[in-house]
C-alpha atoms as a PDB file:
ATOM      1  CA  MET A   1     -17.745  44.294   4.704  1.00  0.00           C
ATOM      2  CA  ASN A   2     -18.888  44.273   1.100  1.00  0.00           C
ATOM      3  CA  ASN A   3     -16.769  42.502  -1.474  1.00  0.00           C
ATOM      4  CA  MET A   4     -17.191  41.475  -5.055  1.00  0.00           C
ATOM      5  CA  MET A   5     -15.325  38.835  -6.995  1.00  0.00           C
ATOM      6  CA  LEU A   6     -11.820  39.660  -8.185  1.00  0.00           C
ATOM      7  CA  LEU A   7     -12.125  40.630 -11.868  1.00  0.00           C
ATOM      8  CA  ASN A   8      -9.353  38.305 -13.007  1.00  0.00           C
ATOM      9  CA  THR A   9     -11.311  36.225 -15.524  1.00  0.00           C
ATOM     10  CA  VAL A  10     -13.215  37.035 -18.703  1.00  0.00           C
ATOM     11  CA  THR A  11     -16.359  35.665 -17.050  1.00  0.00           C
ATOM     12  CA  ALA A  12     -16.001  37.946 -14.004  1.00  0.00           C
ATOM     13  CA  GLN A  13     -15.260  40.959 -16.224  1.00  0.00           C
ATOM     14  CA  ALA A  14     -18.252  40.322 -18.504  1.00  0.00           C
ATOM     15  CA  ALA A  15     -20.701  41.904 -16.044  1.00  0.00           C
ATOM     16  CA  TYR A  16     -18.858  45.247 -16.208  1.00  0.00           C
ATOM     17  CA  ARG A  17     -18.059  47.893 -18.816  1.00  0.00           C
ATOM     18  CA  HIS A  18     -14.352  47.789 -19.627  1.00  0.00           C
ATOM     19  CA  LEU A  19     -13.217  51.415 -19.630  1.00  0.00           C
ATOM     20  CA  MET A  20      -9.484  51.208 -20.285  1.00  0.00           C
ATOM     21  CA  ASP A  21      -6.159  49.468 -19.683  1.00  0.00           C
ATOM     22  CA  GLU A  22      -3.079  51.204 -18.344  1.00  0.00           C
ATOM     23  CA  LYS A  23       0.401  49.674 -18.646  1.00  0.00           C
ATOM     24  CA  LEU A  24       2.688  50.728 -15.806  1.00  0.00           C
ATOM     25  CA  ASP A  25       5.915  49.406 -17.321  1.00  0.00           C
ATOM     26  CA  ASP A  26       7.420  48.696 -20.739  1.00  0.00           C
ATOM     27  CA  SER A  27       7.575  44.925 -20.228  1.00  0.00           C
ATOM     28  CA  ASP A  28       3.805  44.556 -19.639  1.00  0.00           C
ATOM     29  CA  ASN A  29       4.416  43.108 -16.179  1.00  0.00           C
ATOM     30  CA  LYS A  30       2.234  45.691 -14.414  1.00  0.00           C
ATOM     31  CA  LEU A  31      -1.249  46.426 -15.681  1.00  0.00           C
ATOM     32  CA  VAL A  32      -4.199  48.395 -14.316  1.00  0.00           C
ATOM     33  CA  GLN A  33      -7.658  47.845 -15.787  1.00  0.00           C
ATOM     34  CA  TYR A  34     -10.671  50.058 -15.138  1.00  0.00           C
ATOM     35  CA  PHE A  35     -14.242  48.709 -15.132  1.00  0.00           C
ATOM     36  CA  ALA A  36     -17.628  50.125 -14.163  1.00  0.00           C
ATOM     37  CA  ASP A  37     -21.264  49.226 -13.820  1.00  0.00           C
ATOM     38  CA  ASP A  38     -24.221  51.376 -12.761  1.00  0.00           C
ATOM     39  CA  THR A  39     -22.998  51.711  -9.167  1.00  0.00           C
ATOM     40  CA  MET A  40     -19.258  50.987  -8.957  1.00  0.00           C
ATOM     41  CA  LEU A  41     -15.866  51.858 -10.441  1.00  0.00           C
ATOM     42  CA  ILE A  42     -13.511  48.894 -10.164  1.00  0.00           C
ATOM     43  CA  ILE A  43      -9.756  49.400 -10.482  1.00  0.00           C
ATOM     44  CA  TYR A  44      -8.120  45.998 -11.036  1.00  0.00           C
ATOM     45  CA  ARG A  45      -4.344  45.677 -11.038  1.00  0.00           C
ATOM     46  CA  ILE A  46      -1.970  42.828 -11.711  1.00  0.00           C
ATOM     47  CA  SER A  47       1.786  42.545 -11.253  1.00  0.00           C
ATOM     48  CA  LYS A  48       3.209  39.547 -13.073  1.00  0.00           C
ATOM     49  CA  GLY A  49       5.955  37.697 -11.254  1.00  0.00           C
ATOM     50  CA  LYS A  50       8.337  34.864 -12.100  1.00  0.00           C
ATOM     51  CA  LEU A  51       6.548  32.368  -9.865  1.00  0.00           C
ATOM     52  CA  TYR A  52       3.108  33.897  -9.410  1.00  0.00           C
ATOM     53  CA  ASP A  53       1.094  36.998 -10.172  1.00  0.00           C
ATOM     54  CA  THR A  54      -0.169  39.484  -7.586  1.00  0.00           C
ATOM     55  CA  GLU A  55      -3.713  40.686  -8.227  1.00  0.00           C
ATOM     56  CA  ASN A  56      -5.818  43.166  -6.318  1.00  0.00           C
ATOM     57  CA  GLN A  57      -8.594  45.658  -6.908  1.00  0.00           C
ATOM     58  CA  LEU A  58     -10.276  48.707  -5.457  1.00  0.00           C
ATOM     59  CA  GLU A  59     -14.056  48.942  -5.582  1.00  0.00           C
ATOM     60  CA  LEU A  60     -15.474  52.480  -5.333  1.00  0.00           C
ATOM     61  CA  PRO A  61     -19.097  53.629  -5.342  1.00  0.00           C
ATOM     62  CA  LEU A  62     -19.676  55.922  -8.333  1.00  0.00           C
ATOM     63  CA  ALA A  63     -21.216  58.367  -5.848  1.00  0.00           C
ATOM     64  CA  ALA A  64     -17.694  58.940  -4.436  1.00  0.00           C
ATOM     65  CA  LEU A  65     -16.178  60.066  -7.745  1.00  0.00           C
ATOM     66  CA  PRO A  66     -17.360  63.724  -7.696  1.00  0.00           C
ATOM     67  CA  TRP A  67     -15.964  64.060  -4.158  1.00  0.00           C
ATOM     68  CA  LEU A  68     -12.631  62.482  -5.176  1.00  0.00           C
ATOM     69  CA  HIS A  69     -12.415  64.770  -8.226  1.00  0.00           C
ATOM     70  CA  ASP A  70     -13.209  67.907  -6.230  1.00  0.00           C
ATOM     71  CA  THR A  71     -10.980  67.002  -3.270  1.00  0.00           C
ATOM     72  CA  ILE A  72      -7.970  66.311  -5.487  1.00  0.00           C
ATOM     73  CA  ILE A  73      -8.309  69.441  -7.629  1.00  0.00           C
ATOM     74  CA  ASN A  74      -9.753  71.961  -5.181  1.00  0.00           C
ATOM     75  CA  GLY A  75      -8.426  70.468  -1.953  1.00  0.00           C
ATOM     76  CA  PHE A  76      -4.974  68.947  -2.282  1.00  0.00           C
ATOM     77  CA  TRP A  77      -3.820  70.637  -5.499  1.00  0.00           C
ATOM     78  CA  ARG A  78      -4.939  74.127  -4.473  1.00  0.00           C
ATOM     79  CA  LEU A  79      -2.989  76.327  -2.073  1.00  0.00           C
ATOM     80  CA  PRO A  80      -4.641  76.910   1.313  1.00  0.00           C
ATOM     81  CA  SER A  81      -4.640  80.656   0.555  1.00  0.00           C
ATOM     82  CA  ALA A  82      -6.746  79.902  -2.542  1.00  0.00           C
ATOM     83  CA  GLY A  83      -9.255  77.734  -0.658  1.00  0.00           C
ATOM     84  CA  GLY A  84      -7.367  74.422  -0.677  1.00  0.00           C
ATOM     85  CA  LEU A  85      -6.922  72.096   2.266  1.00  0.00           C
ATOM     86  CA  PRO A  86      -4.623  73.178   5.112  1.00  0.00           C
ATOM     87  CA  LYS A  87      -0.940  72.468   4.472  1.00  0.00           C
ATOM     88  CA  ASP A  88      -0.771  69.931   7.314  1.00  0.00           C
ATOM     89  CA  GLN A  89      -3.898  67.976   6.300  1.00  0.00           C
ATOM     90  CA  HIS A  90      -2.767  64.815   4.532  1.00  0.00           C
ATOM     91  CA  SER A  91      -6.023  62.861   4.324  1.00  0.00           C
ATOM     92  CA  VAL A  92      -9.784  63.305   4.211  1.00  0.00           C
ATOM     93  CA  SER A  93     -12.623  60.813   4.373  1.00  0.00           C
ATOM     94  CA  ALA A  94     -16.325  60.663   3.589  1.00  0.00           C
ATOM     95  CA  THR A  95     -19.091  58.065   3.340  1.00  0.00           C
ATOM     96  CA  PHE A  96     -20.894  57.207   0.092  1.00  0.00           C
ATOM     97  CA  ASP A  97     -23.616  54.579  -0.204  1.00  0.00           C
ATOM     98  CA  GLY A  98     -22.610  53.320   3.249  1.00  0.00           C
ATOM     99  CA  GLU A  99     -18.934  52.892   2.293  1.00  0.00           C
ATOM    100  CA  ASP A 100     -16.127  54.785   4.034  1.00  0.00           C
ATOM    101  CA  ILE A 101     -13.715  56.256   1.471  1.00  0.00           C
ATOM    102  CA  LEU A 102     -10.395  57.833   2.439  1.00  0.00           C
ATOM    103  CA  LEU A 103      -8.217  59.950   0.167  1.00  0.00           C
ATOM    104  CA  GLY A 104      -4.690  60.573   1.381  1.00  0.00           C
ATOM    105  CA  ARG A 105      -1.642  62.305   0.017  1.00  0.00           C
ATOM    106  CA  SER A 106       1.275  59.939  -0.639  1.00  0.00           C
ATOM    107  CA  MET A 107       4.950  60.778  -1.076  1.00  0.00           C
ATOM    108  CA  ASN A 108       5.737  57.393  -2.677  1.00  0.00           C
ATOM    109  CA  ALA A 109       2.572  56.704  -4.649  1.00  0.00           C
ATOM    110  CA  GLY A 110       3.364  53.342  -6.137  1.00  0.00           C
ATOM    111  CA  ASP A 111       6.711  54.625  -7.388  1.00  0.00           C
ATOM    112  CA  TYR A 112       9.614  55.759  -5.207  1.00  0.00           C
ATOM    113  CA  GLY A 113       9.755  59.520  -4.767  1.00  0.00           C
ATOM    114  CA  LYS A 114       6.605  60.172  -6.820  1.00  0.00           C
ATOM    115  CA  THR A 115       3.886  62.181  -5.118  1.00  0.00           C
ATOM    116  CA  GLY A 116       0.318  61.125  -5.557  1.00  0.00           C
ATOM    117  CA  PHE A 117      -2.647  59.706  -3.702  1.00  0.00           C
ATOM    118  CA  LYS A 118      -3.775  56.657  -1.815  1.00  0.00           C
ATOM    119  CA  ILE A 119      -7.471  55.898  -2.234  1.00  0.00           C
ATOM    120  CA  VAL A 120      -8.859  53.532   0.400  1.00  0.00           C
ATOM    121  CA  ASN A 121     -12.265  51.871   0.690  1.00  0.00           C
ATOM    122  CA  LYS A 122     -12.332  51.079   4.399  1.00  0.00           C
ATOM    123  CA  SER A 123     -15.625  49.186   3.981  1.00  0.00           C
ATOM    124  CA  ARG A 124     -14.187  46.467   1.725  1.00  0.00           C
ATOM    125  CA  LYS A 125     -11.484  43.900   2.411  1.00  0.00           C
ATOM    126  CA  SER A 126      -8.328  43.642   0.330  1.00  0.00           C
ATOM    127  CA  HIS A 127      -8.264  40.667  -2.029  1.00  0.00           C
ATOM    128  CA  ILE A 128      -4.622  40.070  -1.021  1.00  0.00           C
ATOM    129  CA  MET A 129      -4.810  40.373   2.759  1.00  0.00           C
ATOM    130  CA  THR A 130      -8.349  40.308   4.140  1.00  0.00           C
ATOM    131  CA  SER A 131      -7.316  41.951   7.409  1.00  0.00           C
ATOM    132  CA  ARG A 132      -6.597  45.154   5.442  1.00  0.00           C
ATOM    133  CA  PRO A 133      -8.971  47.457   3.542  1.00  0.00           C
ATOM    134  CA  GLN A 134      -8.886  47.866  -0.223  1.00  0.00           C
ATOM    135  CA  GLU A 135      -6.490  50.554  -1.404  1.00  0.00           C
ATOM    136  CA  PHE A 136      -4.917  51.894  -4.565  1.00  0.00           C
ATOM    137  CA  GLN A 137      -1.988  54.268  -5.009  1.00  0.00           C
ATOM    138  CA  ILE A 138      -1.649  56.525  -8.017  1.00  0.00           C
ATOM    139  CA  THR A 139       0.931  59.178  -8.894  1.00  0.00           C
ATOM    140  CA  ASP A 140      -0.035  62.773  -9.637  1.00  0.00           C
ATOM    141  CA  ASP A 141       1.003  62.226 -13.275  1.00  0.00           C
ATOM    142  CA  ARG A 142      -1.336  59.237 -13.608  1.00  0.00           C
ATOM    143  CA  VAL A 143      -4.144  61.148 -11.888  1.00  0.00           C
ATOM    144  CA  GLU A 144      -3.825  63.831 -14.592  1.00  0.00           C
ATOM    145  CA  GLN A 145      -3.284  61.450 -17.525  1.00  0.00           C
ATOM    146  CA  VAL A 146      -5.644  58.613 -16.560  1.00  0.00           C
ATOM    147  CA  LEU A 147      -7.922  59.111 -13.558  1.00  0.00           C
ATOM    148  CA  LEU A 148      -9.311  62.599 -14.265  1.00  0.00           C
ATOM    149  CA  PRO A 149     -10.027  61.794 -17.952  1.00  0.00           C
ATOM    150  CA  LEU A 150     -11.684  58.560 -16.783  1.00  0.00           C
ATOM    151  CA  PHE A 151     -13.867  60.546 -14.374  1.00  0.00           C
ATOM    152  CA  ASN A 152     -14.816  62.834 -17.287  1.00  0.00           C
ATOM    153  CA  GLN A 153     -15.681  59.764 -19.374  1.00  0.00           C
ATOM    154  CA  LEU A 154     -18.017  58.693 -16.553  1.00  0.00           C
ATOM    155  CA  GLY A 155     -19.636  62.147 -16.466  1.00  0.00           C
ATOM    156  CA  VAL A 156     -17.802  63.459 -13.390  1.00  0.00           C
ATOM    157  CA  GLY A 157     -15.850  66.696 -13.489  1.00  0.00           C
END
């Protein structure tokens, strides 16, 4: 499995373009940062705790972004009668640059009762639990407000 260093220091982040920060709560305890280089989009997230912080990241080949964009908009968000995915299909996967990427519909996408997506890179190990693949959950609202504009910024869409 491929893995890069966790982007939790200024030194580690220096090799990448910082695209944006996204605060997930009003107390600044949950933050998502987006980085890219010529081949990868890195989504780094941190949840600050009383005793310790939880950090993780998802590393995606840039080649996967057009597929993610198209599958979200024209697959999951479109009715089957209009060419979208079948009603009972909850996930799809494809391979980009030798990395297996899965996109799945989620009914609790990082927030209870909020629909959204789980994006999984099955070819890279989680930085939290190495027996699991890297994954990231994002609500539909955040896909519209953050992820799709970010894809546009990167020339996808």
